[in-house]
Amino acid sequence: MIGDIYPGAEVSERAQMALGTQSTKPLGHKEGAIFMLMCKSIVIAALFVLGTAPLVSPLGQGKGPMTGPETESVPLDRLLHELGRKYDTYFTIEETWTDGKSTDLIRSNLVRRLSKAESLVQELEYLKKAVANLTHSLDQANSRIIHIVDSRLLSQKDYALERVIPSIDFNGPAYLLPDAIARQGVPVSSQEFGFIGQPEVRDYVTVVHVKGEKLKVRDALSGFIPLDRRGNILWAATTKLGPGETSHIAFQGSPKQGAR
C-alpha cells in the first residue's frame, strides 16, 4: 500500500516499473522522500478526477428523478384545460356533493398527469380510474364536447340535466340561460354555489341563441356556445345529491377577441 511506503523502504520491481524506475537497490532517505511525494501526487490527482466526473444513473441516463410536470399532481379542472388545449376539445362538468362532504366534488381531486398518453381516449380512461365516480360521454351533436359527470347523478331521480325542455327560444347572455330554463319548471339556477376556481374564469360575456323543441337540458346548455373561446371548460353544474335538487350552473371562459 502507498500509505505503507516510508523513506528507506524497499520498493517492489512492479511499483518501480509503474513509476518509470527499475532499480532493485534500497532507496536512501532522500530518494524515499521523493518517491513518497510522487505517490501522494498520483493519489491526489486520481481523487480530483473522480470527484469532478459526472455521476450518471444507469437507469435515468443522467436525467435524474421524474419530478417534472409529467408526474405532478394537479386539480382536475386544470388538467381538463390542458387536455382540451392538447386535443382541441371542450369539457363540461357535472358534480355532486352530500351533507358535510364538500370533498365529494370531483373537481376537488388532485390528479397525477399521465406521463405517456397516445390519445384522448387513453387519457379519459385513465381519469375514470384515477377519480372516484367519474364517467364521461361524447356530446351527441358535437364530438369536440365531452361531458365529465359524477356517475351518482345519473341514478338520481329527477336530475335536472337529464330533464327535457318542451320548447325554448332564448337569446341573451349564456350565464342567464339556466334561469330561462328554470322558468319552465326545471330545477336549475345561475346562482353560484360551491364554485371551485378563480372568479375571473366565470363567463358573463358570451351571448347564445338557444332555440329548439324537446331538448335535453344538458344539450341546451352545451349545443349553442361558440367554441372559438378561451378556456376549455364550457360550464360546471353542481347539484346536491338527492331527488329533485337544484343544479347550480356556472359558465366559464370567454370568447376570443372578435368572437361572440
C-alpha atoms as a PDB file:
ATOM      1  CA  MET A   1       0.000   0.000   0.000  1.00  0.00           C
ATOM      2  CA  ILE A   2       1.140   3.522  -0.756  1.00  0.00           C
ATOM      3  CA  GLY A   3       0.478   4.579   2.833  1.00  0.00           C
ATOM      4  CA  ASP A   4       2.950   1.912   3.975  1.00  0.00           C
ATOM      5  CA  ILE A   5       5.875   3.311   1.989  1.00  0.00           C
ATOM      6  CA  TYR A   6       8.368   5.170   4.123  1.00  0.00           C
ATOM      7  CA  PRO A   7      11.808   6.591   3.390  1.00  0.00           C
ATOM      8  CA  GLY A   8      14.406   3.852   3.271  1.00  0.00           C
ATOM      9  CA  ALA A   9      11.923   1.076   2.457  1.00  0.00           C
ATOM     10  CA  GLU A  10      12.481  -1.252  -0.477  1.00  0.00           C
ATOM     11  CA  VAL A  11      10.085  -0.820  -3.398  1.00  0.00           C
ATOM     12  CA  SER A  12       8.846  -3.755  -5.442  1.00  0.00           C
ATOM     13  CA  GLU A  13      10.007  -4.099  -9.016  1.00  0.00           C
ATOM     14  CA  ARG A  14       6.380  -3.703 -10.307  1.00  0.00           C
ATOM     15  CA  ALA A  15       5.967  -0.412  -8.459  1.00  0.00           C
ATOM     16  CA  GLN A  16       9.275   0.880  -9.756  1.00  0.00           C
ATOM     17  CA  MET A  17       8.327  -0.071 -13.323  1.00  0.00           C
ATOM     18  CA  ALA A  18       4.993   1.732 -12.973  1.00  0.00           C
ATOM     19  CA  LEU A  19       6.801   4.875 -11.931  1.00  0.00           C
ATOM     20  CA  GLY A  20       9.469   4.554 -14.635  1.00  0.00           C
ATOM     21  CA  THR A  21      12.272   3.377 -12.341  1.00  0.00           C
ATOM     22  CA  GLN A  22      13.712  -0.112 -12.311  1.00  0.00           C
ATOM     23  CA  SER A  23      16.245  -0.063  -9.510  1.00  0.00           C
ATOM     24  CA  THR A  24      16.283  -3.009  -7.099  1.00  0.00           C
ATOM     25  CA  LYS A  25      18.538  -1.198  -4.630  1.00  0.00           C
ATOM     26  CA  PRO A  26      17.111   0.040  -1.351  1.00  0.00           C
ATOM     27  CA  LEU A  27      16.106   3.701  -1.513  1.00  0.00           C
ATOM     28  CA  GLY A  28      18.003   6.163   0.549  1.00  0.00           C
ATOM     29  CA  HIS A  29      16.371   8.782   2.748  1.00  0.00           C
ATOM     30  CA  LYS A  30      16.337  11.401   0.003  1.00  0.00           C
ATOM     31  CA  GLU A  31      15.144   9.025  -2.718  1.00  0.00           C
ATOM     32  CA  GLY A  32      12.428   7.612  -0.429  1.00  0.00           C
ATOM     33  CA  ALA A  33      11.091  11.055   0.334  1.00  0.00           C
ATOM     34  CA  ILE A  34      10.896  11.885  -3.363  1.00  0.00           C
ATOM     35  CA  PHE A  35       9.126   8.570  -4.076  1.00  0.00           C
ATOM     36  CA  MET A  36       6.534   9.166  -1.342  1.00  0.00           C
ATOM     37  CA  LEU A  37       5.851  12.680  -2.697  1.00  0.00           C
ATOM     38  CA  MET A  38       5.259  11.261  -6.184  1.00  0.00           C
ATOM     39  CA  CYS A  39       2.830   8.674  -4.819  1.00  0.00           C
ATOM     40  CA  LYS A  40       0.859  11.308  -2.913  1.00  0.00           C
ATOM     41  CA  SER A  41       0.628  13.420  -6.060  1.00  0.00           C
ATOM     42  CA  ILE A  42      -0.773  10.468  -8.011  1.00  0.00           C
ATOM     43  CA  VAL A  43      -3.398   9.788  -5.332  1.00  0.00           C
ATOM     44  CA  ILE A  44      -4.480  13.443  -5.152  1.00  0.00           C
ATOM     45  CA  ALA A  45      -4.801  13.640  -8.939  1.00  0.00           C
ATOM     46  CA  ALA A  46      -6.881  10.456  -9.026  1.00  0.00           C
ATOM     47  CA  LEU A  47      -9.239  11.713  -6.314  1.00  0.00           C
ATOM     48  CA  PHE A  48      -9.666  15.026  -8.165  1.00  0.00           C
ATOM     49  CA  VAL A  49     -10.678  13.253 -11.378  1.00  0.00           C
ATOM     50  CA  LEU A  50     -13.138  11.003  -9.556  1.00  0.00           C
ATOM     51  CA  GLY A  51     -14.615  13.916  -7.650  1.00  0.00           C
ATOM     52  CA  THR A  52     -15.283  16.029 -10.730  1.00  0.00           C
ATOM     53  CA  ALA A  53     -16.552  13.289 -13.068  1.00  0.00           C
ATOM     54  CA  PRO A  54     -20.356  13.469 -13.697  1.00  0.00           C
ATOM     55  CA  LEU A  55     -22.378  10.839 -11.925  1.00  0.00           C
ATOM     56  CA  VAL A  56     -24.715   9.168 -14.413  1.00  0.00           C
ATOM     57  CA  SER A  57     -27.533   6.904 -13.337  1.00  0.00           C
ATOM     58  CA  PRO A  58     -27.635   3.665 -15.350  1.00  0.00           C
ATOM     59  CA  LEU A  59     -31.453   3.915 -15.381  1.00  0.00           C
ATOM     60  CA  GLY A  60     -32.018   7.626 -15.904  1.00  0.00           C
ATOM     61  CA  GLN A  61     -29.026   8.264 -18.146  1.00  0.00           C
ATOM     62  CA  GLY A  62     -28.288  11.409 -16.177  1.00  0.00           C
ATOM     63  CA  LYS A  63     -31.869  12.810 -16.275  1.00  0.00           C
ATOM     64  CA  GLY A  64     -32.408  12.438 -12.557  1.00  0.00           C
ATOM     65  CA  PRO A  65     -35.694  11.516 -10.784  1.00  0.00           C
ATOM     66  CA  MET A  66     -39.023  12.034 -12.567  1.00  0.00           C
ATOM     67  CA  THR A  67     -40.108  15.237 -10.872  1.00  0.00           C
ATOM     68  CA  GLY A  68     -41.211  17.144 -13.974  1.00  0.00           C
ATOM     69  CA  PRO A  69     -44.763  18.064 -14.980  1.00  0.00           C
ATOM     70  CA  GLU A  70     -45.463  14.552 -16.260  1.00  0.00           C
ATOM     71  CA  THR A  71     -45.575  13.288 -12.666  1.00  0.00           C
ATOM     72  CA  GLU A  72     -47.029  16.355 -10.938  1.00  0.00           C
ATOM     73  CA  SER A  73     -50.485  16.196  -9.316  1.00  0.00           C
ATOM     74  CA  VAL A  74     -52.843  18.981 -10.404  1.00  0.00           C
ATOM     75  CA  PRO A  75     -56.534  19.823  -9.789  1.00  0.00           C
ATOM     76  CA  LEU A  76     -58.896  18.003 -12.135  1.00  0.00           C
ATOM     77  CA  ASP A  77     -60.251  21.164 -13.769  1.00  0.00           C
ATOM     78  CA  ARG A  78     -56.730  22.371 -14.551  1.00  0.00           C
ATOM     79  CA  LEU A  79     -55.921  19.021 -16.104  1.00  0.00           C
ATOM     80  CA  LEU A  80     -59.066  19.204 -18.236  1.00  0.00           C
ATOM     81  CA  HIS A  81     -57.999  22.613 -19.548  1.00  0.00           C
ATOM     82  CA  GLU A  82     -54.636  21.092 -20.506  1.00  0.00           C
ATOM     83  CA  LEU A  83     -56.255  18.129 -22.255  1.00  0.00           C
ATOM     84  CA  GLY A  84     -58.617  20.478 -24.062  1.00  0.00           C
ATOM     85  CA  ARG A  85     -55.749  22.508 -25.465  1.00  0.00           C
ATOM     86  CA  LYS A  86     -53.814  19.375 -26.372  1.00  0.00           C
ATOM     87  CA  TYR A  87     -56.674  17.645 -28.210  1.00  0.00           C
ATOM     88  CA  ASP A  88     -58.756  20.674 -29.322  1.00  0.00           C
ATOM     89  CA  THR A  89     -61.600  19.554 -27.074  1.00  0.00           C
ATOM     90  CA  TYR A  90     -64.027  21.223 -24.654  1.00  0.00           C
ATOM     91  CA  PHE A  91     -65.447  19.833 -21.423  1.00  0.00           C
ATOM     92  CA  THR A  92     -68.475  20.278 -19.220  1.00  0.00           C
ATOM     93  CA  ILE A  93     -68.504  19.152 -15.585  1.00  0.00           C
ATOM     94  CA  GLU A  94     -71.414  17.777 -13.591  1.00  0.00           C
ATOM     95  CA  GLU A  95     -70.596  17.114  -9.963  1.00  0.00           C
ATOM     96  CA  THR A  96     -72.416  16.394  -6.748  1.00  0.00           C
ATOM     97  CA  TRP A  97     -71.915  16.545  -3.019  1.00  0.00           C
ATOM     98  CA  THR A  98     -73.552  15.291   0.162  1.00  0.00           C
ATOM     99  CA  ASP A  99     -74.064  16.982   3.547  1.00  0.00           C
ATOM    100  CA  GLY A 100     -70.773  17.576   5.308  1.00  0.00           C
ATOM    101  CA  LYS A 101     -68.715  16.221   2.410  1.00  0.00           C
ATOM    102  CA  SER A 102     -67.734  19.052   0.125  1.00  0.00           C
ATOM    103  CA  THR A 103     -64.692  16.962  -0.817  1.00  0.00           C
ATOM    104  CA  ASP A 104     -67.128  14.774  -2.769  1.00  0.00           C
ATOM    105  CA  LEU A 105     -66.850  17.303  -5.600  1.00  0.00           C
ATOM    106  CA  ILE A 106     -64.849  15.685  -8.373  1.00  0.00           C
ATOM    107  CA  ARG A 107     -63.053  18.985  -9.045  1.00  0.00           C
ATOM    108  CA  SER A 108     -61.552  18.768  -5.545  1.00  0.00           C
ATOM    109  CA  ASN A 109     -59.456  15.803  -6.690  1.00  0.00           C
ATOM    110  CA  LEU A 110     -55.760  16.182  -7.366  1.00  0.00           C
ATOM    111  CA  VAL A 111     -54.833  14.036 -10.343  1.00  0.00           C
ATOM    112  CA  ARG A 112     -51.379  12.929 -11.430  1.00  0.00           C
ATOM    113  CA  ARG A 113     -50.726  13.608 -15.078  1.00  0.00           C
ATOM    114  CA  LEU A 114     -50.410  10.567 -17.312  1.00  0.00           C
ATOM    115  CA  SER A 115     -46.763  10.633 -18.387  1.00  0.00           C
ATOM    116  CA  LYS A 116     -47.187   8.778 -21.658  1.00  0.00           C
ATOM    117  CA  ALA A 117     -50.538   9.045 -23.431  1.00  0.00           C
ATOM    118  CA  GLU A 118     -51.170   8.379 -27.098  1.00  0.00           C
ATOM    119  CA  SER A 119     -54.802   9.503 -27.394  1.00  0.00           C
ATOM    120  CA  LEU A 120     -57.615  11.365 -25.671  1.00  0.00           C
ATOM    121  CA  VAL A 121     -59.420   8.048 -25.163  1.00  0.00           C
ATOM    122  CA  GLN A 122     -56.459   6.783 -23.166  1.00  0.00           C
ATOM    123  CA  GLU A 123     -56.400   9.970 -21.091  1.00  0.00           C
ATOM    124  CA  LEU A 124     -60.115   9.711 -20.285  1.00  0.00           C
ATOM    125  CA  GLU A 125     -59.916   6.047 -19.357  1.00  0.00           C
ATOM    126  CA  TYR A 126     -57.085   6.913 -17.006  1.00  0.00           C
ATOM    127  CA  LEU A 127     -59.209   9.643 -15.373  1.00  0.00           C
ATOM    128  CA  LYS A 128     -62.045   7.157 -14.801  1.00  0.00           C
ATOM    129  CA  LYS A 129     -59.644   5.028 -12.778  1.00  0.00           C
ATOM    130  CA  ALA A 130     -57.967   7.936 -11.003  1.00  0.00           C
ATOM    131  CA  VAL A 131     -61.109   9.817  -9.840  1.00  0.00           C
ATOM    132  CA  ALA A 132     -63.876   8.057  -7.927  1.00  0.00           C
ATOM    133  CA  ASN A 133     -67.342   8.154  -9.573  1.00  0.00           C
ATOM    134  CA  LEU A 134     -66.077   9.932 -12.682  1.00  0.00           C
ATOM    135  CA  THR A 135     -67.570   8.968 -16.016  1.00  0.00           C
ATOM    136  CA  HIS A 136     -67.667  10.698 -19.381  1.00  0.00           C
ATOM    137  CA  SER A 137     -69.628  10.802 -22.621  1.00  0.00           C
ATOM    138  CA  LEU A 138     -69.334  12.468 -26.002  1.00  0.00           C
ATOM    139  CA  ASP A 139     -71.835  15.157 -26.836  1.00  0.00           C
ATOM    140  CA  GLN A 140     -74.335  13.714 -29.325  1.00  0.00           C
ATOM    141  CA  ALA A 141     -74.277  16.788 -31.563  1.00  0.00           C
ATOM    142  CA  ASN A 142     -70.614  17.820 -31.326  1.00  0.00           C
ATOM    143  CA  SER A 143     -67.825  15.307 -30.718  1.00  0.00           C
ATOM    144  CA  ARG A 144     -65.477  18.121 -29.648  1.00  0.00           C
ATOM    145  CA  ILE A 145     -67.507  18.440 -26.445  1.00  0.00           C
ATOM    146  CA  ILE A 146     -67.053  15.847 -23.703  1.00  0.00           C
ATOM    147  CA  HIS A 147     -69.276  15.683 -20.637  1.00  0.00           C
ATOM    148  CA  ILE A 148     -67.488  14.791 -17.383  1.00  0.00           C
ATOM    149  CA  VAL A 149     -70.149  13.520 -14.967  1.00  0.00           C
ATOM    150  CA  ASP A 150     -70.248  12.206 -11.415  1.00  0.00           C
ATOM    151  CA  SER A 151     -71.896   8.836 -12.055  1.00  0.00           C
ATOM    152  CA  ARG A 152     -74.016   9.129  -8.894  1.00  0.00           C
ATOM    153  CA  LEU A 153     -76.062  11.853 -10.606  1.00  0.00           C
ATOM    154  CA  LEU A 154     -77.157   9.548 -13.406  1.00  0.00           C
ATOM    155  CA  SER A 155     -79.126   7.413 -10.959  1.00  0.00           C
ATOM    156  CA  GLN A 156     -80.580  10.403  -9.102  1.00  0.00           C
ATOM    157  CA  LYS A 157     -84.329  10.776  -9.509  1.00  0.00           C
ATOM    158  CA  ASP A 158     -85.426  13.906 -11.397  1.00  0.00           C
ATOM    159  CA  TYR A 159     -81.861  15.001 -12.069  1.00  0.00           C
ATOM    160  CA  ALA A 160     -82.219  18.407 -13.720  1.00  0.00           C
ATOM    161  CA  LEU A 161     -79.743  17.993 -16.572  1.00  0.00           C
ATOM    162  CA  GLU A 162     -81.478  14.805 -17.710  1.00  0.00           C
ATOM    163  CA  ARG A 163     -84.819  16.619 -17.946  1.00  0.00           C
ATOM    164  CA  VAL A 164     -86.299  17.527 -21.353  1.00  0.00           C
ATOM    165  CA  ILE A 165     -87.346  21.081 -22.225  1.00  0.00           C
ATOM    166  CA  PRO A 166     -90.566  21.058 -24.287  1.00  0.00           C
ATOM    167  CA  SER A 167     -89.676  24.216 -26.203  1.00  0.00           C
ATOM    168  CA  ILE A 168     -87.225  27.093 -25.817  1.00  0.00           C
ATOM    169  CA  ASP A 169     -86.257  30.260 -27.678  1.00  0.00           C
ATOM    170  CA  PHE A 170     -83.643  32.166 -25.689  1.00  0.00           C
ATOM    171  CA  ASN A 171     -81.375  34.925 -26.975  1.00  0.00           C
ATOM    172  CA  GLY A 172     -79.052  36.560 -24.463  1.00  0.00           C
ATOM    173  CA  PRO A 173     -76.036  36.087 -22.181  1.00  0.00           C
ATOM    174  CA  ALA A 174     -75.263  32.423 -21.651  1.00  0.00           C
ATOM    175  CA  TYR A 175     -74.999  32.827 -17.873  1.00  0.00           C
ATOM    176  CA  LEU A 176     -78.730  33.717 -17.769  1.00  0.00           C
ATOM    177  CA  LEU A 177     -79.759  30.651 -19.774  1.00  0.00           C
ATOM    178  CA  PRO A 178     -80.274  28.491 -16.650  1.00  0.00           C
ATOM    179  CA  ASP A 179     -82.811  30.999 -15.329  1.00  0.00           C
ATOM    180  CA  ALA A 180     -84.732  30.843 -18.611  1.00  0.00           C
ATOM    181  CA  ILE A 181     -84.798  27.055 -18.348  1.00  0.00           C
ATOM    182  CA  ALA A 182     -85.872  27.273 -14.703  1.00  0.00           C
ATOM    183  CA  ARG A 183     -88.979  29.234 -15.720  1.00  0.00           C
ATOM    184  CA  GLN A 184     -90.167  26.042 -17.408  1.00  0.00           C
ATOM    185  CA  GLY A 185     -90.159  24.199 -14.103  1.00  0.00           C
ATOM    186  CA  VAL A 186     -86.677  22.655 -14.314  1.00  0.00           C
ATOM    187  CA  PRO A 187     -84.652  22.922 -11.053  1.00  0.00           C
ATOM    188  CA  VAL A 188     -81.618  24.812 -12.362  1.00  0.00           C
ATOM    189  CA  SER A 189     -80.124  28.146 -11.320  1.00  0.00           C
ATOM    190  CA  SER A 190     -77.444  30.591 -12.428  1.00  0.00           C
ATOM    191  CA  GLN A 191     -76.636  31.492  -8.825  1.00  0.00           C
ATOM    192  CA  GLU A 192     -73.155  30.487  -7.684  1.00  0.00           C
ATOM    193  CA  PHE A 193     -72.957  27.579  -5.316  1.00  0.00           C
ATOM    194  CA  GLY A 194     -69.768  25.943  -4.134  1.00  0.00           C
ATOM    195  CA  PHE A 195     -67.933  27.206  -7.229  1.00  0.00           C
ATOM    196  CA  ILE A 196     -64.360  25.973  -7.326  1.00  0.00           C
ATOM    197  CA  GLY A 197     -61.818  28.031  -9.179  1.00  0.00           C
ATOM    198  CA  GLN A 198     -60.914  31.658  -9.660  1.00  0.00           C
ATOM    199  CA  PRO A 199     -63.818  34.134 -10.092  1.00  0.00           C
ATOM    200  CA  GLU A 200     -62.252  35.532 -13.249  1.00  0.00           C
ATOM    201  CA  VAL A 201     -62.971  32.307 -15.151  1.00  0.00           C
ATOM    202  CA  ARG A 202     -66.724  32.935 -14.909  1.00  0.00           C
ATOM    203  CA  ASP A 203     -68.211  33.864 -18.285  1.00  0.00           C
ATOM    204  CA  TYR A 204     -70.549  36.858 -18.237  1.00  0.00           C
ATOM    205  CA  VAL A 205     -69.861  37.839 -21.839  1.00  0.00           C
ATOM    206  CA  THR A 206     -70.817  35.061 -24.256  1.00  0.00           C
ATOM    207  CA  VAL A 207     -74.184  35.507 -25.981  1.00  0.00           C
ATOM    208  CA  VAL A 208     -76.139  32.492 -27.231  1.00  0.00           C
ATOM    209  CA  HIS A 209     -79.302  31.906 -29.185  1.00  0.00           C
ATOM    210  CA  VAL A 210     -80.874  28.668 -27.993  1.00  0.00           C
ATOM    211  CA  LYS A 211     -83.889  27.536 -29.973  1.00  0.00           C
ATOM    212  CA  GLY A 212     -85.438  24.100 -30.212  1.00  0.00           C
ATOM    213  CA  GLU A 213     -88.019  21.608 -29.048  1.00  0.00           C
ATOM    214  CA  LYS A 214     -87.645  18.609 -26.795  1.00  0.00           C
ATOM    215  CA  LEU A 215     -84.072  19.485 -25.928  1.00  0.00           C
ATOM    216  CA  LYS A 216     -82.398  17.791 -23.005  1.00  0.00           C
ATOM    217  CA  VAL A 217     -81.152  20.440 -20.550  1.00  0.00           C
ATOM    218  CA  ARG A 218     -77.540  19.306 -20.995  1.00  0.00           C
ATOM    219  CA  ASP A 219     -77.856  19.761 -24.758  1.00  0.00           C
ATOM    220  CA  ALA A 220     -79.403  23.196 -24.435  1.00  0.00           C
ATOM    221  CA  LEU A 221     -76.520  24.312 -22.217  1.00  0.00           C
ATOM    222  CA  SER A 222     -73.799  22.930 -24.497  1.00  0.00           C
ATOM    223  CA  GLY A 223     -75.010  22.944 -28.074  1.00  0.00           C
ATOM    224  CA  PHE A 224     -75.178  26.682 -28.781  1.00  0.00           C
ATOM    225  CA  ILE A 225     -71.900  28.003 -27.309  1.00  0.00           C
ATOM    226  CA  PRO A 226     -69.309  29.218 -29.847  1.00  0.00           C
ATOM    227  CA  LEU A 227     -66.200  27.072 -29.406  1.00  0.00           C
ATOM    228  CA  ASP A 228     -63.801  29.770 -30.567  1.00  0.00           C
ATOM    229  CA  ARG A 229     -63.042  30.757 -26.997  1.00  0.00           C
ATOM    230  CA  ARG A 230     -60.520  30.982 -24.189  1.00  0.00           C
ATOM    231  CA  GLY A 231     -60.697  28.173 -21.678  1.00  0.00           C
ATOM    232  CA  ASN A 232     -61.605  24.566 -22.388  1.00  0.00           C
ATOM    233  CA  ILE A 233     -64.308  24.093 -19.770  1.00  0.00           C
ATOM    234  CA  LEU A 234     -67.650  25.409 -21.027  1.00  0.00           C
ATOM    235  CA  TRP A 235     -69.622  25.148 -17.818  1.00  0.00           C
ATOM    236  CA  ALA A 236     -69.828  23.334 -14.497  1.00  0.00           C
ATOM    237  CA  ALA A 237     -73.003  22.212 -12.743  1.00  0.00           C
ATOM    238  CA  THR A 238     -73.061  21.483  -9.010  1.00  0.00           C
ATOM    239  CA  THR A 239     -76.007  19.562  -7.540  1.00  0.00           C
ATOM    240  CA  LYS A 240     -76.589  18.269  -4.035  1.00  0.00           C
ATOM    241  CA  LEU A 241     -77.132  14.519  -4.107  1.00  0.00           C
ATOM    242  CA  GLY A 242     -80.826  13.857  -3.713  1.00  0.00           C
ATOM    243  CA  PRO A 243     -84.069  13.716  -5.732  1.00  0.00           C
ATOM    244  CA  GLY A 244     -85.208  16.972  -7.326  1.00  0.00           C
ATOM    245  CA  GLU A 245     -82.255  19.048  -6.056  1.00  0.00           C
ATOM    246  CA  THR A 246     -81.372  22.284  -7.859  1.00  0.00           C
ATOM    247  CA  SER A 247     -78.380  22.265 -10.208  1.00  0.00           C
ATOM    248  CA  HIS A 248     -76.295  25.434  -9.987  1.00  0.00           C
ATOM    249  CA  ILE A 249     -74.670  26.155 -13.344  1.00  0.00           C
ATOM    250  CA  ALA A 250     -71.655  28.382 -13.922  1.00  0.00           C
ATOM    251  CA  PHE A 251     -70.423  29.135 -17.424  1.00  0.00           C
ATOM    252  CA  GLN A 252     -66.657  29.507 -17.742  1.00  0.00           C
ATOM    253  CA  GLY A 253     -64.071  31.020 -20.071  1.00  0.00           C
ATOM    254  CA  SER A 254     -64.719  33.786 -22.564  1.00  0.00           C
ATOM    255  CA  PRO A 255     -64.977  34.242 -26.317  1.00  0.00           C
ATOM    256  CA  LYS A 256     -61.769  35.117 -28.122  1.00  0.00           C
ATOM    257  CA  GLN A 257     -61.425  38.685 -29.326  1.00  0.00           C
ATOM    258  CA  GLY A 258     -63.869  39.345 -32.128  1.00  0.00           C
ATOM    259  CA  ALA A 259     -65.964  36.232 -31.410  1.00  0.00           C
ATOM    260  CA  ARG A 260     -69.331  36.209 -29.673  1.00  0.00           C
END
